[in-house]
Amino acid sequence: MGPSPWRMPYYFGSPTTEIHRTWIVALVFEFIYFLALLGFLGFLMRKKPARNAQNKIPFVSVLSSLATNALAAFLSIISLFYNVLQHTATQRYVVLLMIQTISQMAAFVLMFFVYYRILSHYLERIHASTERPLLMDALHSFILGILAIISAVKAILYMVVLAQNVNHAYSDVTSTYLNISASQEIIYWLASLEIVGCAAFVMFKAKSFELSRRSGLAWIFLGSLFFYGVHFFYAIIAIRYNLEMVETPSSLTGGVPTIIFAICVLGAYAGISVSCMQLYKRSYPPTVSQPIPLESLVTKPSVSTSVVAGSTSRATP
């Protein structure tokens, strides 16, 4: 009986000079992105309100999303180090890819939830005497359920594909995974577009709001644009390459998607963070004694990882 396939070497291949440079660029920006996420996480942990203020402000969900995103970024840094250094690992390396992808999708689902909670709060203020907020909440709950289901299906198929690659037991699951992955990116894109529309609607209807509240609305709208941007970018890649079964070019598997991803996600978190702080200040104005923040805190596109051996960027496979 031979050794377990999971103990066999995992080779990253011999990249061209151009691809190797894109990996180095991706590694640098991934590290900067990781530090920025930790900065957001530390800032919000210090500003986190007491429990009785959290029913309107989803701080725990924001912190959880930041933590899972930071975990995915940390694992991506390790993966890129392996690629840059051409280090030979065992096939157990694919477990890192599984955890990275699952963490990334969980972070995005949590971000959708946070946007829905914040927008729901503003809608309640605008339509306090109507059923419109309840209908919008029902719609957002339905969309969130779809996002969670398709993300879970994609994660399961991704793990199956990687396990098949290790055991050299190939099947049609790979093509199914690519179709599901593309569908997930498109659904994420459409859902993020709905958030932009909802944020724009709230800003338009909130003309009578005081300046501080409208400032929070402006930030959540700006953040939603960044959030839409990252999903639009990966939806285009999914439509162009996954659905048409065309190999993704090297220019979209290295530094470019990493830079776009980092800028858009950090912009989305900036909008969320400022908006949450505005809501907190509104709940506890300066004339009212604010509760002491808790010391114990709960901390923590999709973007696919390529199933091709040696390609571990954020681009859709």
C-alpha atoms as a PDB file:
ATOM      1  CA  MET A   1       0.000   0.000   0.000  1.00  0.00           C
ATOM      2  CA  GLY A   2       1.516   3.306  -1.107  1.00  0.00           C
ATOM      3  CA  PRO A   3       1.671   6.554   0.833  1.00  0.00           C
ATOM      4  CA  SER A   4      -1.425   8.661   1.251  1.00  0.00           C
ATOM      5  CA  PRO A   5      -2.001  11.085  -1.649  1.00  0.00           C
ATOM      6  CA  TRP A   6      -2.291  13.864   0.918  1.00  0.00           C
ATOM      7  CA  ARG A   7       1.357  13.304   1.884  1.00  0.00           C
ATOM      8  CA  MET A   8       2.608  13.606  -1.679  1.00  0.00           C
ATOM      9  CA  PRO A   9       4.474  16.770  -2.779  1.00  0.00           C
ATOM     10  CA  TYR A  10       2.494  19.755  -4.017  1.00  0.00           C
ATOM     11  CA  TYR A  11       4.416  21.537  -6.764  1.00  0.00           C
ATOM     12  CA  PHE A  12       3.717  25.164  -7.630  1.00  0.00           C
ATOM     13  CA  GLY A  13       5.192  24.992 -11.105  1.00  0.00           C
ATOM     14  CA  SER A  14       7.813  27.213 -12.725  1.00  0.00           C
ATOM     15  CA  PRO A  15       6.247  30.586 -13.553  1.00  0.00           C
ATOM     16  CA  THR A  16       7.521  32.978 -16.150  1.00  0.00           C
ATOM     17  CA  THR A  17       9.279  36.138 -15.012  1.00  0.00           C
ATOM     18  CA  GLU A  18       6.133  38.180 -15.688  1.00  0.00           C
ATOM     19  CA  ILE A  19       3.904  35.911 -13.609  1.00  0.00           C
ATOM     20  CA  HIS A  20       6.470  35.817 -10.806  1.00  0.00           C
ATOM     21  CA  ARG A  21       6.459  39.622 -10.686  1.00  0.00           C
ATOM     22  CA  THR A  22       2.670  39.731 -10.503  1.00  0.00           C
ATOM     23  CA  TRP A  23       2.828  37.372  -7.528  1.00  0.00           C
ATOM     24  CA  ILE A  24       5.282  39.681  -5.773  1.00  0.00           C
ATOM     25  CA  VAL A  25       3.024  42.690  -6.410  1.00  0.00           C
ATOM     26  CA  ALA A  26       0.025  40.713  -5.165  1.00  0.00           C
ATOM     27  CA  LEU A  27       1.941  39.691  -2.032  1.00  0.00           C
ATOM     28  CA  VAL A  28       2.871  43.290  -1.190  1.00  0.00           C
ATOM     29  CA  PHE A  29      -0.662  44.621  -1.619  1.00  0.00           C
ATOM     30  CA  GLU A  30      -2.150  41.633   0.181  1.00  0.00           C
ATOM     31  CA  PHE A  31       0.047  42.402   3.179  1.00  0.00           C
ATOM     32  CA  ILE A  32      -0.967  46.090   3.128  1.00  0.00           C
ATOM     33  CA  TYR A  33      -4.611  45.032   2.848  1.00  0.00           C
ATOM     34  CA  PHE A  34      -4.197  42.664   5.812  1.00  0.00           C
ATOM     35  CA  LEU A  35      -2.712  45.425   7.987  1.00  0.00           C
ATOM     36  CA  ALA A  36      -5.534  47.793   6.995  1.00  0.00           C
ATOM     37  CA  LEU A  37      -8.135  45.213   8.025  1.00  0.00           C
ATOM     38  CA  LEU A  38      -6.431  44.832  11.396  1.00  0.00           C
ATOM     39  CA  GLY A  39      -6.488  48.623  11.716  1.00  0.00           C
ATOM     40  CA  PHE A  40     -10.247  48.746  11.072  1.00  0.00           C
ATOM     41  CA  LEU A  41     -10.750  45.868  13.492  1.00  0.00           C
ATOM     42  CA  GLY A  42      -8.756  47.537  16.271  1.00  0.00           C
ATOM     43  CA  PHE A  43     -10.476  50.890  15.756  1.00  0.00           C
ATOM     44  CA  LEU A  44     -13.987  49.451  15.918  1.00  0.00           C
ATOM     45  CA  MET A  45     -13.167  47.247  18.906  1.00  0.00           C
ATOM     46  CA  ARG A  46     -12.220  50.392  20.832  1.00  0.00           C
ATOM     47  CA  LYS A  47     -15.384  52.211  19.716  1.00  0.00           C
ATOM     48  CA  LYS A  48     -17.796  49.305  20.166  1.00  0.00           C
ATOM     49  CA  PRO A  49     -20.919  50.412  22.096  1.00  0.00           C
ATOM     50  CA  ALA A  50     -22.637  48.679  24.975  1.00  0.00           C
ATOM     51  CA  ARG A  51     -25.031  45.813  24.366  1.00  0.00           C
ATOM     52  CA  ASN A  52     -28.172  47.924  24.668  1.00  0.00           C
ATOM     53  CA  ALA A  53     -27.039  50.010  21.690  1.00  0.00           C
ATOM     54  CA  GLN A  54     -26.302  47.093  19.387  1.00  0.00           C
ATOM     55  CA  ASN A  55     -29.854  46.277  18.355  1.00  0.00           C
ATOM     56  CA  LYS A  56     -29.635  49.034  15.745  1.00  0.00           C
ATOM     57  CA  ILE A  57     -25.876  48.986  15.136  1.00  0.00           C
ATOM     58  CA  PRO A  58     -24.522  45.599  13.934  1.00  0.00           C
ATOM     59  CA  PHE A  59     -21.065  46.010  15.462  1.00  0.00           C
ATOM     60  CA  VAL A  60     -20.606  42.310  16.205  1.00  0.00           C
ATOM     61  CA  SER A  61     -21.372  41.439  12.584  1.00  0.00           C
ATOM     62  CA  VAL A  62     -18.957  44.121  11.353  1.00  0.00           C
ATOM     63  CA  LEU A  63     -16.215  42.810  13.634  1.00  0.00           C
ATOM     64  CA  SER A  64     -16.908  39.229  12.586  1.00  0.00           C
ATOM     65  CA  SER A  65     -16.755  40.187   8.918  1.00  0.00           C
ATOM     66  CA  LEU A  66     -13.467  42.034   9.433  1.00  0.00           C
ATOM     67  CA  ALA A  67     -12.005  39.095  11.337  1.00  0.00           C
ATOM     68  CA  THR A  68     -12.943  36.503   8.712  1.00  0.00           C
ATOM     69  CA  ASN A  69     -11.701  38.790   5.934  1.00  0.00           C
ATOM     70  CA  ALA A  70      -8.422  39.236   7.809  1.00  0.00           C
ATOM     71  CA  LEU A  71      -8.129  35.457   8.183  1.00  0.00           C
ATOM     72  CA  ALA A  72      -8.649  35.007   4.446  1.00  0.00           C
ATOM     73  CA  ALA A  73      -6.033  37.692   3.734  1.00  0.00           C
ATOM     74  CA  PHE A  74      -3.537  36.061   6.098  1.00  0.00           C
ATOM     75  CA  LEU A  75      -3.976  32.682   4.407  1.00  0.00           C
ATOM     76  CA  SER A  76      -3.645  34.371   1.017  1.00  0.00           C
ATOM     77  CA  ILE A  77      -0.319  35.859   2.148  1.00  0.00           C
ATOM     78  CA  ILE A  78       0.933  32.391   3.097  1.00  0.00           C
ATOM     79  CA  SER A  79      -0.237  31.019  -0.244  1.00  0.00           C
ATOM     80  CA  LEU A  80       1.494  33.806  -2.167  1.00  0.00           C
ATOM     81  CA  PHE A  81       4.694  33.252  -0.182  1.00  0.00           C
ATOM     82  CA  TYR A  82       4.665  29.626  -1.311  1.00  0.00           C
ATOM     83  CA  ASN A  83       4.253  30.762  -4.905  1.00  0.00           C
ATOM     84  CA  VAL A  84       6.903  33.474  -4.806  1.00  0.00           C
ATOM     85  CA  LEU A  85       9.486  31.269  -3.079  1.00  0.00           C
ATOM     86  CA  GLN A  86       8.540  28.205  -5.156  1.00  0.00           C
ATOM     87  CA  HIS A  87       8.353  26.219  -1.946  1.00  0.00           C
ATOM     88  CA  THR A  88       7.328  22.574  -2.211  1.00  0.00           C
ATOM     89  CA  ALA A  89       4.547  21.615   0.192  1.00  0.00           C
ATOM     90  CA  THR A  90       2.454  18.503   0.695  1.00  0.00           C
ATOM     91  CA  GLN A  91      -0.989  18.060  -0.790  1.00  0.00           C
ATOM     92  CA  ARG A  92      -2.395  19.062   2.588  1.00  0.00           C
ATOM     93  CA  TYR A  93      -1.705  22.582   1.373  1.00  0.00           C
ATOM     94  CA  VAL A  94      -5.123  22.545  -0.316  1.00  0.00           C
ATOM     95  CA  VAL A  95      -6.742  22.647   3.146  1.00  0.00           C
ATOM     96  CA  LEU A  96      -5.378  26.195   3.411  1.00  0.00           C
ATOM     97  CA  LEU A  97      -7.118  27.059   0.134  1.00  0.00           C
ATOM     98  CA  MET A  98     -10.378  25.598   1.432  1.00  0.00           C
ATOM     99  CA  ILE A  99     -10.283  27.622   4.654  1.00  0.00           C
ATOM    100  CA  GLN A 100      -9.290  30.770   2.763  1.00  0.00           C
ATOM    101  CA  THR A 101     -12.214  30.540   0.343  1.00  0.00           C
ATOM    102  CA  ILE A 102     -14.750  29.676   3.053  1.00  0.00           C
ATOM    103  CA  SER A 103     -13.555  32.604   5.196  1.00  0.00           C
ATOM    104  CA  GLN A 104     -13.795  34.999   2.273  1.00  0.00           C
ATOM    105  CA  MET A 105     -17.350  33.984   1.398  1.00  0.00           C
ATOM    106  CA  ALA A 106     -18.444  34.134   5.043  1.00  0.00           C
ATOM    107  CA  ALA A 107     -17.018  37.654   5.283  1.00  0.00           C
ATOM    108  CA  PHE A 108     -18.972  38.812   2.233  1.00  0.00           C
ATOM    109  CA  VAL A 109     -22.247  37.292   3.455  1.00  0.00           C
ATOM    110  CA  LEU A 110     -21.740  39.116   6.760  1.00  0.00           C
ATOM    111  CA  MET A 111     -21.071  42.356   4.871  1.00  0.00           C
ATOM    112  CA  PHE A 112     -24.367  41.964   3.023  1.00  0.00           C
ATOM    113  CA  PHE A 113     -26.089  41.439   6.379  1.00  0.00           C
ATOM    114  CA  VAL A 114     -24.473  44.579   7.821  1.00  0.00           C
ATOM    115  CA  TYR A 115     -25.567  46.712   4.872  1.00  0.00           C
ATOM    116  CA  TYR A 116     -29.116  45.377   5.175  1.00  0.00           C
ATOM    117  CA  ARG A 117     -29.238  46.152   8.911  1.00  0.00           C
ATOM    118  CA  ILE A 118     -27.970  49.709   8.492  1.00  0.00           C
ATOM    119  CA  LEU A 119     -30.301  50.469   5.584  1.00  0.00           C
ATOM    120  CA  SER A 120     -33.206  48.942   7.511  1.00  0.00           C
ATOM    121  CA  HIS A 121     -32.531  51.327  10.376  1.00  0.00           C
ATOM    122  CA  TYR A 122     -32.629  54.356   8.081  1.00  0.00           C
ATOM    123  CA  LEU A 123     -35.778  53.109   6.351  1.00  0.00           C
ATOM    124  CA  GLU A 124     -37.508  52.733   9.716  1.00  0.00           C
ATOM    125  CA  ARG A 125     -36.750  56.385  10.443  1.00  0.00           C
ATOM    126  CA  ILE A 126     -38.129  57.516   7.097  1.00  0.00           C
ATOM    127  CA  HIS A 127     -41.244  55.325   7.015  1.00  0.00           C
ATOM    128  CA  ALA A 128     -42.029  54.987  10.714  1.00  0.00           C
ATOM    129  CA  SER A 129     -45.769  54.650  10.112  1.00  0.00           C
ATOM    130  CA  THR A 130     -45.822  52.426   7.023  1.00  0.00           C
ATOM    131  CA  GLU A 131     -45.201  48.785   6.195  1.00  0.00           C
ATOM    132  CA  ARG A 132     -42.536  49.566   3.594  1.00  0.00           C
ATOM    133  CA  PRO A 133     -39.580  48.819   5.942  1.00  0.00           C
ATOM    134  CA  LEU A 134     -41.085  45.413   6.747  1.00  0.00           C
ATOM    135  CA  LEU A 135     -41.398  44.573   3.059  1.00  0.00           C
ATOM    136  CA  MET A 136     -37.817  45.678   2.440  1.00  0.00           C
ATOM    137  CA  ASP A 137     -36.607  43.614   5.399  1.00  0.00           C
ATOM    138  CA  ALA A 138     -38.411  40.575   4.004  1.00  0.00           C
ATOM    139  CA  LEU A 139     -36.820  41.111   0.593  1.00  0.00           C
ATOM    140  CA  HIS A 140     -33.359  41.492   2.101  1.00  0.00           C
ATOM    141  CA  SER A 141     -33.826  38.384   4.238  1.00  0.00           C
ATOM    142  CA  PHE A 142     -34.791  36.435   1.115  1.00  0.00           C
ATOM    143  CA  ILE A 143     -31.748  37.712  -0.796  1.00  0.00           C
ATOM    144  CA  LEU A 144     -29.467  36.961   2.146  1.00  0.00           C
ATOM    145  CA  GLY A 145     -30.793  33.406   2.275  1.00  0.00           C
ATOM    146  CA  ILE A 146     -30.017  32.925  -1.424  1.00  0.00           C
ATOM    147  CA  LEU A 147     -26.519  34.337  -0.929  1.00  0.00           C
ATOM    148  CA  ALA A 148     -25.858  32.011   1.997  1.00  0.00           C
ATOM    149  CA  ILE A 149     -27.140  28.933   0.150  1.00  0.00           C
ATOM    150  CA  ILE A 150     -25.208  29.473  -3.077  1.00  0.00           C
ATOM    151  CA  SER A 151     -22.069  30.334  -1.088  1.00  0.00           C
ATOM    152  CA  ALA A 152     -22.381  27.098   0.890  1.00  0.00           C
ATOM    153  CA  VAL A 153     -22.912  25.072  -2.297  1.00  0.00           C
ATOM    154  CA  LYS A 154     -19.888  26.678  -3.911  1.00  0.00           C
ATOM    155  CA  ALA A 155     -17.744  25.994  -0.836  1.00  0.00           C
ATOM    156  CA  ILE A 156     -18.736  22.318  -0.802  1.00  0.00           C
ATOM    157  CA  LEU A 157     -18.058  21.884  -4.519  1.00  0.00           C
ATOM    158  CA  TYR A 158     -14.734  23.686  -4.175  1.00  0.00           C
ATOM    159  CA  MET A 159     -13.609  21.285  -1.454  1.00  0.00           C
ATOM    160  CA  VAL A 160     -14.727  18.324  -3.565  1.00  0.00           C
ATOM    161  CA  VAL A 161     -12.764  19.591  -6.580  1.00  0.00           C
ATOM    162  CA  LEU A 162      -9.601  20.098  -4.539  1.00  0.00           C
ATOM    163  CA  ALA A 163      -9.960  16.682  -2.914  1.00  0.00           C
ATOM    164  CA  GLN A 164     -10.408  15.090  -6.336  1.00  0.00           C
ATOM    165  CA  ASN A 165      -7.275  16.810  -7.583  1.00  0.00           C
ATOM    166  CA  VAL A 166      -5.316  15.372  -4.666  1.00  0.00           C
ATOM    167  CA  ASN A 167      -6.674  11.858  -5.216  1.00  0.00           C
ATOM    168  CA  HIS A 168      -6.457  12.107  -9.033  1.00  0.00           C
ATOM    169  CA  ALA A 169     -10.156  11.202  -9.266  1.00  0.00           C
ATOM    170  CA  TYR A 170     -11.429  13.680 -11.833  1.00  0.00           C
ATOM    171  CA  SER A 171     -15.099  14.022 -12.795  1.00  0.00           C
ATOM    172  CA  ASP A 172     -17.622  16.514 -14.118  1.00  0.00           C
ATOM    173  CA  VAL A 173     -17.739  18.218 -10.720  1.00  0.00           C
ATOM    174  CA  THR A 174     -15.154  20.745 -11.891  1.00  0.00           C
ATOM    175  CA  SER A 175     -17.384  22.108 -14.660  1.00  0.00           C
ATOM    176  CA  THR A 176     -20.315  22.189 -12.230  1.00  0.00           C
ATOM    177  CA  TYR A 177     -18.182  24.106  -9.760  1.00  0.00           C
ATOM    178  CA  LEU A 178     -17.185  26.665 -12.390  1.00  0.00           C
ATOM    179  CA  ASN A 179     -20.837  27.238 -13.313  1.00  0.00           C
ATOM    180  CA  ILE A 180     -21.879  27.590  -9.664  1.00  0.00           C
ATOM    181  CA  SER A 181     -18.941  29.909  -9.010  1.00  0.00           C
ATOM    182  CA  ALA A 182     -19.921  32.130 -11.931  1.00  0.00           C
ATOM    183  CA  SER A 183     -23.564  32.126 -10.797  1.00  0.00           C
ATOM    184  CA  GLN A 184     -22.506  33.111  -7.302  1.00  0.00           C
ATOM    185  CA  GLU A 185     -20.453  36.045  -8.568  1.00  0.00           C
ATOM    186  CA  ILE A 186     -23.356  37.251 -10.717  1.00  0.00           C
ATOM    187  CA  ILE A 187     -25.819  36.986  -7.817  1.00  0.00           C
ATOM    188  CA  TYR A 188     -23.396  38.847  -5.539  1.00  0.00           C
ATOM    189  CA  TRP A 189     -23.090  41.533  -8.203  1.00  0.00           C
ATOM    190  CA  LEU A 190     -26.871  41.960  -8.559  1.00  0.00           C
ATOM    191  CA  ALA A 191     -27.363  41.946  -4.782  1.00  0.00           C
ATOM    192  CA  SER A 192     -24.698  44.634  -4.340  1.00  0.00           C
ATOM    193  CA  LEU A 193     -26.380  46.680  -7.083  1.00  0.00           C
ATOM    194  CA  GLU A 194     -29.641  46.484  -5.120  1.00  0.00           C
ATOM    195  CA  ILE A 195     -27.796  47.828  -2.067  1.00  0.00           C
ATOM    196  CA  VAL A 196     -26.543  50.806  -4.085  1.00  0.00           C
ATOM    197  CA  GLY A 197     -30.091  51.503  -5.275  1.00  0.00           C
ATOM    198  CA  CYS A 198     -31.495  51.187  -1.764  1.00  0.00           C
ATOM    199  CA  ALA A 199     -28.820  53.502  -0.337  1.00  0.00           C
ATOM    200  CA  ALA A 200     -29.510  56.067  -3.072  1.00  0.00           C
ATOM    201  CA  PHE A 201     -33.247  55.866  -2.337  1.00  0.00           C
ATOM    202  CA  VAL A 202     -32.661  56.419   1.377  1.00  0.00           C
ATOM    203  CA  MET A 203     -30.439  59.436   0.690  1.00  0.00           C
ATOM    204  CA  PHE A 204     -33.077  60.928  -1.613  1.00  0.00           C
ATOM    205  CA  LYS A 205     -35.874  60.428   0.936  1.00  0.00           C
ATOM    206  CA  ALA A 206     -33.800  61.660   3.881  1.00  0.00           C
ATOM    207  CA  LYS A 207     -33.702  65.345   2.909  1.00  0.00           C
ATOM    208  CA  SER A 208     -35.222  66.326   6.230  1.00  0.00           C
ATOM    209  CA  PHE A 209     -32.615  64.454   8.271  1.00  0.00           C
ATOM    210  CA  GLU A 210     -30.136  66.482  10.308  1.00  0.00           C
ATOM    211  CA  LEU A 211     -26.607  66.950   8.939  1.00  0.00           C
ATOM    212  CA  SER A 212     -24.938  64.300  11.101  1.00  0.00           C
ATOM    213  CA  ARG A 213     -27.389  61.619  10.027  1.00  0.00           C
ATOM    214  CA  ARG A 214     -27.127  62.576   6.355  1.00  0.00           C
ATOM    215  CA  SER A 215     -23.342  62.400   6.715  1.00  0.00           C
ATOM    216  CA  GLY A 216     -23.705  58.777   7.787  1.00  0.00           C
ATOM    217  CA  LEU A 217     -25.967  58.146   4.802  1.00  0.00           C
ATOM    218  CA  ALA A 218     -23.399  59.621   2.439  1.00  0.00           C
ATOM    219  CA  TRP A 219     -20.754  57.272   3.794  1.00  0.00           C
ATOM    220  CA  ILE A 220     -22.932  54.175   3.542  1.00  0.00           C
ATOM    221  CA  PHE A 221     -23.760  55.116  -0.055  1.00  0.00           C
ATOM    222  CA  LEU A 222     -20.073  55.617  -0.860  1.00  0.00           C
ATOM    223  CA  GLY A 223     -19.235  52.302   0.785  1.00  0.00           C
ATOM    224  CA  SER A 224     -21.950  50.557  -1.209  1.00  0.00           C
ATOM    225  CA  LEU A 225     -20.366  51.835  -4.434  1.00  0.00           C
ATOM    226  CA  PHE A 226     -17.035  50.258  -3.477  1.00  0.00           C
ATOM    227  CA  PHE A 227     -18.849  47.072  -2.456  1.00  0.00           C
ATOM    228  CA  TYR A 228     -20.580  47.005  -5.825  1.00  0.00           C
ATOM    229  CA  GLY A 229     -17.277  47.640  -7.594  1.00  0.00           C
ATOM    230  CA  VAL A 230     -15.538  44.528  -6.315  1.00  0.00           C
ATOM    231  CA  HIS A 231     -18.471  42.270  -7.215  1.00  0.00           C
ATOM    232  CA  PHE A 232     -18.895  43.892 -10.620  1.00  0.00           C
ATOM    233  CA  PHE A 233     -15.221  43.240 -11.393  1.00  0.00           C
ATOM    234  CA  TYR A 234     -15.390  39.564 -10.467  1.00  0.00           C
ATOM    235  CA  ALA A 235     -18.759  39.064 -12.137  1.00  0.00           C
ATOM    236  CA  ILE A 236     -17.253  40.267 -15.422  1.00  0.00           C
ATOM    237  CA  ILE A 237     -14.371  37.807 -15.013  1.00  0.00           C
ATOM    238  CA  ALA A 238     -16.804  35.003 -14.190  1.00  0.00           C
ATOM    239  CA  ILE A 239     -18.987  35.714 -17.225  1.00  0.00           C
ATOM    240  CA  ARG A 240     -16.053  36.138 -19.590  1.00  0.00           C
ATOM    241  CA  TYR A 241     -13.919  33.187 -18.514  1.00  0.00           C
ATOM    242  CA  ASN A 242     -15.864  30.730 -16.315  1.00  0.00           C
ATOM    243  CA  LEU A 243     -19.100  30.499 -18.276  1.00  0.00           C
ATOM    244  CA  GLU A 244     -17.294  30.473 -21.610  1.00  0.00           C
ATOM    245  CA  MET A 245     -14.690  27.980 -20.330  1.00  0.00           C
ATOM    246  CA  VAL A 246     -11.798  30.245 -21.342  1.00  0.00           C
ATOM    247  CA  GLU A 247      -8.526  30.165 -19.420  1.00  0.00           C
ATOM    248  CA  THR A 248      -8.072  33.256 -17.259  1.00  0.00           C
ATOM    249  CA  PRO A 249      -5.117  35.345 -18.514  1.00  0.00           C
ATOM    250  CA  SER A 250      -2.139  35.868 -16.224  1.00  0.00           C
ATOM    251  CA  SER A 251      -2.893  39.603 -16.045  1.00  0.00           C
ATOM    252  CA  LEU A 252      -6.060  38.754 -14.076  1.00  0.00           C
ATOM    253  CA  THR A 253      -4.483  36.264 -11.669  1.00  0.00           C
ATOM    254  CA  GLY A 254      -1.921  38.440  -9.910  1.00  0.00           C
ATOM    255  CA  GLY A 255      -1.455  42.031  -8.826  1.00  0.00           C
ATOM    256  CA  VAL A 256      -4.321  43.733 -10.686  1.00  0.00           C
ATOM    257  CA  PRO A 257      -7.223  41.850  -9.041  1.00  0.00           C
ATOM    258  CA  THR A 258      -5.507  42.026  -5.647  1.00  0.00           C
ATOM    259  CA  ILE A 259      -5.208  45.823  -5.862  1.00  0.00           C
ATOM    260  CA  ILE A 260      -8.806  46.271  -7.053  1.00  0.00           C
ATOM    261  CA  PHE A 261     -10.072  43.871  -4.402  1.00  0.00           C
ATOM    262  CA  ALA A 262      -8.178  45.607  -1.579  1.00  0.00           C
ATOM    263  CA  ILE A 263      -9.249  49.138  -2.552  1.00  0.00           C
ATOM    264  CA  CYS A 264     -12.915  48.210  -2.990  1.00  0.00           C
ATOM    265  CA  VAL A 265     -13.230  46.133   0.185  1.00  0.00           C
ATOM    266  CA  LEU A 266     -11.451  48.727   2.326  1.00  0.00           C
ATOM    267  CA  GLY A 267     -13.662  51.441   0.823  1.00  0.00           C
ATOM    268  CA  ALA A 268     -16.731  49.384   1.712  1.00  0.00           C
ATOM    269  CA  TYR A 269     -15.527  48.948   5.296  1.00  0.00           C
ATOM    270  CA  ALA A 270     -14.782  52.675   5.572  1.00  0.00           C
ATOM    271  CA  GLY A 271     -18.383  53.450   4.631  1.00  0.00           C
ATOM    272  CA  ILE A 272     -19.721  50.878   7.075  1.00  0.00           C
ATOM    273  CA  SER A 273     -17.484  52.050   9.935  1.00  0.00           C
ATOM    274  CA  VAL A 274     -18.283  55.758   9.636  1.00  0.00           C
ATOM    275  CA  SER A 275     -21.999  55.073   9.236  1.00  0.00           C
ATOM    276  CA  CYS A 276     -22.038  52.842  12.323  1.00  0.00           C
ATOM    277  CA  MET A 277     -20.254  55.516  14.346  1.00  0.00           C
ATOM    278  CA  GLN A 278     -22.781  58.124  13.182  1.00  0.00           C
ATOM    279  CA  LEU A 279     -25.635  55.884  14.276  1.00  0.00           C
ATOM    280  CA  TYR A 280     -23.980  55.372  17.649  1.00  0.00           C
ATOM    281  CA  LYS A 281     -23.490  59.110  18.172  1.00  0.00           C
ATOM    282  CA  ARG A 282     -27.153  59.648  17.278  1.00  0.00           C
ATOM    283  CA  SER A 283     -28.272  57.043  19.801  1.00  0.00           C
ATOM    284  CA  TYR A 284     -26.092  58.648  22.493  1.00  0.00           C
ATOM    285  CA  PRO A 285     -25.625  62.393  21.779  1.00  0.00           C
ATOM    286  CA  PRO A 286     -22.902  64.358  23.604  1.00  0.00           C
ATOM    287  CA  THR A 287     -25.406  65.738  26.135  1.00  0.00           C
ATOM    288  CA  VAL A 288     -26.191  62.208  27.317  1.00  0.00           C
ATOM    289  CA  SER A 289     -23.760  60.103  29.305  1.00  0.00           C
ATOM    290  CA  GLN A 290     -22.666  57.302  27.022  1.00  0.00           C
ATOM    291  CA  PRO A 291     -22.368  53.755  28.345  1.00  0.00           C
ATOM    292  CA  ILE A 292     -18.893  52.342  28.831  1.00  0.00           C
ATOM    293  CA  PRO A 293     -17.911  49.986  25.986  1.00  0.00           C
ATOM    294  CA  LEU A 294     -17.552  46.331  26.868  1.00  0.00           C
ATOM    295  CA  GLU A 295     -14.047  45.020  27.421  1.00  0.00           C
ATOM    296  CA  SER A 296     -14.825  41.569  26.082  1.00  0.00           C
ATOM    297  CA  LEU A 297     -15.581  41.752  22.411  1.00  0.00           C
ATOM    298  CA  VAL A 298     -16.737  39.263  19.830  1.00  0.00           C
ATOM    299  CA  THR A 299     -14.321  39.280  16.945  1.00  0.00           C
ATOM    300  CA  LYS A 300     -14.388  37.699  13.937  1.00  0.00           C
ATOM    301  CA  PRO A 301     -16.964  38.026  -4.437  1.00  0.00           C
ATOM    302  CA  SER A 302     -17.213  35.748  -3.791  1.00  0.00           C
ATOM    303  CA  VAL A 303     -13.845  35.730  -4.748  1.00  0.00           C
ATOM    304  CA  SER A 304     -12.700  32.373  -5.920  1.00  0.00           C
ATOM    305  CA  THR A 305      -9.311  30.729  -5.592  1.00  0.00           C
ATOM    306  CA  SER A 306      -8.107  29.028  -8.723  1.00  0.00           C
ATOM    307  CA  VAL A 307      -8.328  25.263  -8.760  1.00  0.00           C
ATOM    308  CA  VAL A 308      -5.348  25.087 -11.064  1.00  0.00           C
ATOM    309  CA  ALA A 309      -2.269  23.923  -9.182  1.00  0.00           C
ATOM    310  CA  GLY A 310       0.081  26.790  -8.468  1.00  0.00           C
ATOM    311  CA  SER A 311      -2.447  29.580  -9.018  1.00  0.00           C
ATOM    312  CA  THR A 312      -3.616  30.948  -5.699  1.00  0.00           C
ATOM    313  CA  SER A 313      -4.694  34.462  -6.520  1.00  0.00           C
ATOM    314  CA  ARG A 314      -8.092  35.975  -5.847  1.00  0.00           C
ATOM    315  CA  ALA A 315      -9.161  35.772  -9.469  1.00  0.00           C
ATOM    316  CA  THR A 316     -12.039  33.523 -10.392  1.00  0.00           C
ATOM    317  CA  PRO A 317     -10.807  30.166 -11.743  1.00  0.00           C
END
